[in-house]
């Protein structure tokens, strides 16, 4: 959806209008090798490692990866990273 930059953080939001993530399965979405049942049924390619790896990398940089999703309507992923101030 866009990017927000404040003195403290950078927030990036990305929204799709895809199949969404079933509510009951949302708590598992960042688990290694997890794929939502509706994605498996529709035979979308994937191995369930992308969101798992992304969350680890973002958290190692002091940030967060969150989402909101409604099945059959889409998902919004939000990455928040702290700003690094450098003295010159």
N, C-alpha and C. Protein backbone atom coordinates (compact mmCIF):
# COMPACT_ATOMS: atom_id res chain seq x y z
N UNK A 1 0.84 -1.17 0.00
CA UNK A 1 0.00 0.00 0.00
C UNK A 1 0.88 1.24 0.00
N UNK A 2 2.02 1.14 0.68
CA UNK A 2 2.90 2.30 0.70
C UNK A 2 3.96 2.21 1.75
N UNK A 3 4.67 3.33 1.91
CA UNK A 3 5.77 3.42 2.85
C UNK A 3 5.56 4.64 3.74
N UNK A 4 5.83 4.48 5.01
CA UNK A 4 5.76 5.57 5.97
C UNK A 4 7.12 5.66 6.64
N UNK A 5 7.71 6.86 6.62
CA UNK A 5 9.00 7.06 7.24
C UNK A 5 8.83 8.10 8.35
N UNK A 6 9.22 7.73 9.56
CA UNK A 6 9.22 8.66 10.68
C UNK A 6 10.65 8.73 11.21
N UNK A 7 10.94 9.62 12.13
CA UNK A 7 12.29 9.65 12.69
C UNK A 7 12.69 8.34 13.38
N UNK A 8 11.70 7.56 13.84
CA UNK A 8 11.99 6.33 14.58
C UNK A 8 11.96 5.06 13.73
N UNK A 9 11.14 5.05 12.68
CA UNK A 9 10.97 3.78 11.95
C UNK A 9 10.59 4.00 10.49
N UNK A 10 10.71 2.90 9.76
CA UNK A 10 10.25 2.82 8.37
C UNK A 10 9.22 1.69 8.34
N UNK A 11 8.04 1.99 7.79
CA UNK A 11 6.97 0.99 7.72
C UNK A 11 6.57 0.82 6.26
N UNK A 12 6.62 -0.43 5.80
CA UNK A 12 6.26 -0.77 4.42
C UNK A 12 5.06 -1.70 4.46
N UNK A 13 4.01 -1.35 3.73
CA UNK A 13 2.79 -2.16 3.67
C UNK A 13 2.58 -2.62 2.23
N UNK A 14 2.27 -3.91 2.10
CA UNK A 14 1.99 -4.50 0.79
C UNK A 14 0.69 -5.26 0.88
N UNK A 15 -0.22 -4.98 -0.05
CA UNK A 15 -1.54 -5.61 -0.01
C UNK A 15 -1.79 -6.37 -1.31
N UNK A 16 -2.42 -7.53 -1.17
CA UNK A 16 -2.85 -8.26 -2.36
C UNK A 16 -4.36 -8.52 -2.27
N UNK A 17 -4.92 -8.98 -3.34
CA UNK A 17 -6.35 -9.32 -3.38
C UNK A 17 -6.50 -10.80 -3.68
N UNK A 18 -5.60 -11.60 -3.12
CA UNK A 18 -5.56 -13.03 -3.38
C UNK A 18 -6.53 -13.83 -2.52
N UNK A 19 -6.15 -15.05 -2.24
CA UNK A 19 -7.04 -16.00 -1.56
C UNK A 19 -7.11 -15.77 -0.05
N UNK A 20 -6.23 -14.95 0.49
CA UNK A 20 -6.23 -14.71 1.93
C UNK A 20 -5.80 -15.93 2.72
N UNK A 21 -5.75 -15.76 4.02
CA UNK A 21 -5.33 -16.84 4.92
C UNK A 21 -6.51 -17.15 5.84
N UNK A 22 -6.94 -18.41 5.90
CA UNK A 22 -8.06 -18.76 6.79
C UNK A 22 -7.77 -18.34 8.23
N UNK A 23 -8.76 -17.77 8.89
CA UNK A 23 -8.61 -17.26 10.26
C UNK A 23 -8.00 -18.29 11.19
N UNK A 24 -8.48 -19.53 11.14
CA UNK A 24 -7.98 -20.57 12.05
C UNK A 24 -6.51 -20.90 11.82
N UNK A 25 -5.99 -20.58 10.65
CA UNK A 25 -4.62 -20.93 10.31
C UNK A 25 -3.64 -19.77 10.46
N UNK A 26 -4.13 -18.59 10.72
CA UNK A 26 -3.26 -17.41 10.74
C UNK A 26 -2.17 -17.49 11.80
N UNK A 27 -2.42 -18.17 12.91
CA UNK A 27 -1.40 -18.27 13.97
C UNK A 27 -0.20 -19.10 13.52
N UNK A 28 -0.33 -19.85 12.45
CA UNK A 28 0.76 -20.73 11.98
C UNK A 28 1.54 -20.16 10.80
N UNK A 29 1.13 -19.03 10.27
CA UNK A 29 1.63 -18.58 8.98
C UNK A 29 3.14 -18.34 8.93
N UNK A 30 3.77 -18.05 10.08
CA UNK A 30 5.21 -17.81 10.09
C UNK A 30 6.01 -19.04 10.51
N UNK A 31 5.35 -20.19 10.63
CA UNK A 31 6.06 -21.43 10.98
C UNK A 31 6.79 -21.98 9.75
N UNK A 32 7.93 -22.58 10.01
CA UNK A 32 8.74 -23.15 8.94
C UNK A 32 7.96 -24.23 8.19
N UNK A 33 7.95 -24.15 6.88
CA UNK A 33 7.32 -25.10 5.96
C UNK A 33 5.80 -25.11 6.03
N UNK A 34 5.19 -24.11 6.68
CA UNK A 34 3.73 -24.09 6.77
C UNK A 34 3.14 -23.47 5.51
N UNK A 35 2.09 -24.09 5.02
CA UNK A 35 1.32 -23.55 3.90
C UNK A 35 -0.15 -23.65 4.26
N UNK A 36 -0.87 -22.57 4.04
CA UNK A 36 -2.30 -22.55 4.36
C UNK A 36 -3.04 -23.57 3.51
N UNK A 37 -4.08 -24.15 4.07
CA UNK A 37 -4.82 -25.20 3.38
C UNK A 37 -5.42 -24.74 2.06
N UNK A 38 -5.88 -23.49 2.00
CA UNK A 38 -6.47 -23.02 0.74
C UNK A 38 -5.42 -22.86 -0.35
N UNK A 39 -4.19 -22.55 0.01
CA UNK A 39 -3.10 -22.47 -0.98
C UNK A 39 -2.74 -23.86 -1.47
N UNK A 40 -2.72 -24.82 -0.57
CA UNK A 40 -2.40 -26.20 -0.95
C UNK A 40 -3.49 -26.75 -1.89
N UNK A 41 -4.76 -26.49 -1.56
CA UNK A 41 -5.87 -26.97 -2.39
C UNK A 41 -5.81 -26.42 -3.80
N UNK A 42 -5.43 -25.14 -3.92
CA UNK A 42 -5.39 -24.52 -5.24
C UNK A 42 -4.08 -24.79 -5.96
N UNK A 43 -3.22 -25.57 -5.33
CA UNK A 43 -1.96 -26.01 -5.90
C UNK A 43 -1.03 -24.87 -6.28
N UNK A 44 -1.04 -23.79 -5.48
CA UNK A 44 -0.06 -22.74 -5.69
C UNK A 44 1.32 -23.31 -5.36
N UNK A 45 2.31 -22.94 -6.15
CA UNK A 45 3.66 -23.40 -5.87
C UNK A 45 4.18 -22.74 -4.61
N UNK A 46 5.02 -23.43 -3.90
CA UNK A 46 5.63 -22.88 -2.70
C UNK A 46 6.06 -23.99 -1.76
N UNK A 47 6.97 -23.63 -0.87
CA UNK A 47 7.44 -24.64 0.10
C UNK A 47 7.26 -24.17 1.54
N UNK A 48 6.63 -23.01 1.74
CA UNK A 48 6.36 -22.55 3.09
C UNK A 48 7.55 -21.97 3.82
N UNK A 49 8.60 -21.60 3.11
CA UNK A 49 9.79 -21.09 3.77
C UNK A 49 9.90 -19.56 3.69
N UNK A 50 9.23 -18.94 2.75
CA UNK A 50 9.38 -17.51 2.49
C UNK A 50 9.01 -16.61 3.66
N UNK A 51 7.81 -16.76 4.21
CA UNK A 51 7.40 -15.91 5.33
C UNK A 51 8.20 -16.23 6.59
N UNK A 52 8.53 -17.49 6.77
CA UNK A 52 9.35 -17.91 7.91
C UNK A 52 10.71 -17.20 7.86
N UNK A 53 11.37 -17.27 6.72
CA UNK A 53 12.69 -16.66 6.57
C UNK A 53 12.60 -15.14 6.65
N UNK A 54 11.60 -14.57 6.03
CA UNK A 54 11.43 -13.11 6.06
C UNK A 54 11.29 -12.60 7.48
N UNK A 55 10.48 -13.26 8.26
CA UNK A 55 10.25 -12.83 9.66
C UNK A 55 11.55 -12.90 10.46
N UNK A 56 12.32 -13.95 10.28
CA UNK A 56 13.59 -14.08 11.00
C UNK A 56 14.55 -12.95 10.62
N UNK A 57 14.68 -12.68 9.34
CA UNK A 57 15.60 -11.64 8.87
C UNK A 57 15.16 -10.27 9.40
N UNK A 58 13.88 -9.97 9.29
CA UNK A 58 13.36 -8.68 9.76
C UNK A 58 13.56 -8.53 11.26
N UNK A 59 13.28 -9.57 12.02
CA UNK A 59 13.46 -9.49 13.48
C UNK A 59 14.93 -9.35 13.86
N UNK A 60 15.84 -9.97 13.11
CA UNK A 60 17.28 -9.84 13.38
C UNK A 60 17.74 -8.40 13.19
N UNK A 61 16.99 -7.64 12.39
CA UNK A 61 17.30 -6.23 12.17
C UNK A 61 16.49 -5.32 13.10
N UNK A 62 15.86 -5.90 14.11
CA UNK A 62 15.13 -5.13 15.10
C UNK A 62 13.72 -4.73 14.69
N UNK A 63 13.22 -5.35 13.65
CA UNK A 63 11.90 -4.99 13.14
C UNK A 63 10.84 -6.03 13.42
N UNK A 64 9.68 -5.81 12.82
CA UNK A 64 8.56 -6.74 12.96
C UNK A 64 7.94 -7.00 11.59
N UNK A 65 7.32 -8.14 11.46
CA UNK A 65 6.54 -8.51 10.27
C UNK A 65 5.18 -8.95 10.78
N UNK A 66 4.14 -8.22 10.40
CA UNK A 66 2.78 -8.54 10.82
C UNK A 66 1.88 -8.58 9.59
N UNK A 67 0.65 -9.02 9.80
CA UNK A 67 -0.27 -9.08 8.67
C UNK A 67 -1.71 -9.02 9.14
N UNK A 68 -2.58 -8.69 8.21
CA UNK A 68 -4.02 -8.82 8.38
C UNK A 68 -4.51 -9.54 7.14
N UNK A 69 -5.42 -10.48 7.32
CA UNK A 69 -5.88 -11.25 6.18
C UNK A 69 -7.34 -11.65 6.35
N UNK A 70 -8.06 -11.62 5.25
CA UNK A 70 -9.43 -12.10 5.20
C UNK A 70 -9.51 -13.11 4.05
N UNK A 71 -9.95 -14.31 4.38
CA UNK A 71 -10.02 -15.35 3.37
C UNK A 71 -10.88 -14.89 2.20
N UNK A 72 -10.44 -15.17 1.00
CA UNK A 72 -11.08 -14.81 -0.28
C UNK A 72 -11.09 -13.31 -0.56
N UNK A 73 -10.37 -12.53 0.25
CA UNK A 73 -10.31 -11.08 0.00
C UNK A 73 -8.89 -10.55 -0.09
N UNK A 74 -7.93 -11.24 0.53
CA UNK A 74 -6.55 -10.81 0.42
C UNK A 74 -5.86 -10.62 1.75
N UNK A 75 -4.60 -10.20 1.64
CA UNK A 75 -3.73 -10.07 2.80
C UNK A 75 -2.93 -8.78 2.70
N UNK A 76 -2.71 -8.14 3.84
CA UNK A 76 -1.82 -6.99 3.92
C UNK A 76 -0.67 -7.37 4.84
N UNK A 77 0.54 -7.31 4.32
CA UNK A 77 1.75 -7.57 5.11
C UNK A 77 2.37 -6.23 5.46
N UNK A 78 2.85 -6.11 6.71
CA UNK A 78 3.45 -4.86 7.18
C UNK A 78 4.82 -5.16 7.77
N UNK A 79 5.84 -4.53 7.20
CA UNK A 79 7.21 -4.63 7.69
C UNK A 79 7.53 -3.31 8.39
N UNK A 80 8.00 -3.39 9.63
CA UNK A 80 8.42 -2.20 10.36
C UNK A 80 9.87 -2.40 10.77
N UNK A 81 10.71 -1.43 10.42
CA UNK A 81 12.13 -1.48 10.77
C UNK A 81 12.54 -0.20 11.47
N UNK A 82 13.40 -0.31 12.48
CA UNK A 82 13.87 0.91 13.14
C UNK A 82 14.81 1.69 12.22
N UNK A 83 14.76 3.00 12.34
CA UNK A 83 15.69 3.84 11.58
C UNK A 83 17.03 3.82 12.29
N UNK A 84 18.08 3.78 11.53
CA UNK A 84 19.43 3.82 12.08
C UNK A 84 19.97 5.22 11.85
N UNK A 85 20.35 5.87 12.92
CA UNK A 85 20.92 7.20 12.81
C UNK A 85 22.44 7.09 12.78
N UNK A 86 23.00 7.76 11.82
CA UNK A 86 24.45 7.74 11.71
C UNK A 86 24.99 9.14 11.91
N UNK A 87 25.98 9.25 12.73
CA UNK A 87 26.65 10.54 12.94
C UNK A 87 27.76 10.66 11.89
N UNK A 88 27.83 11.81 11.27
CA UNK A 88 28.87 12.02 10.24
C UNK A 88 29.90 12.99 10.77
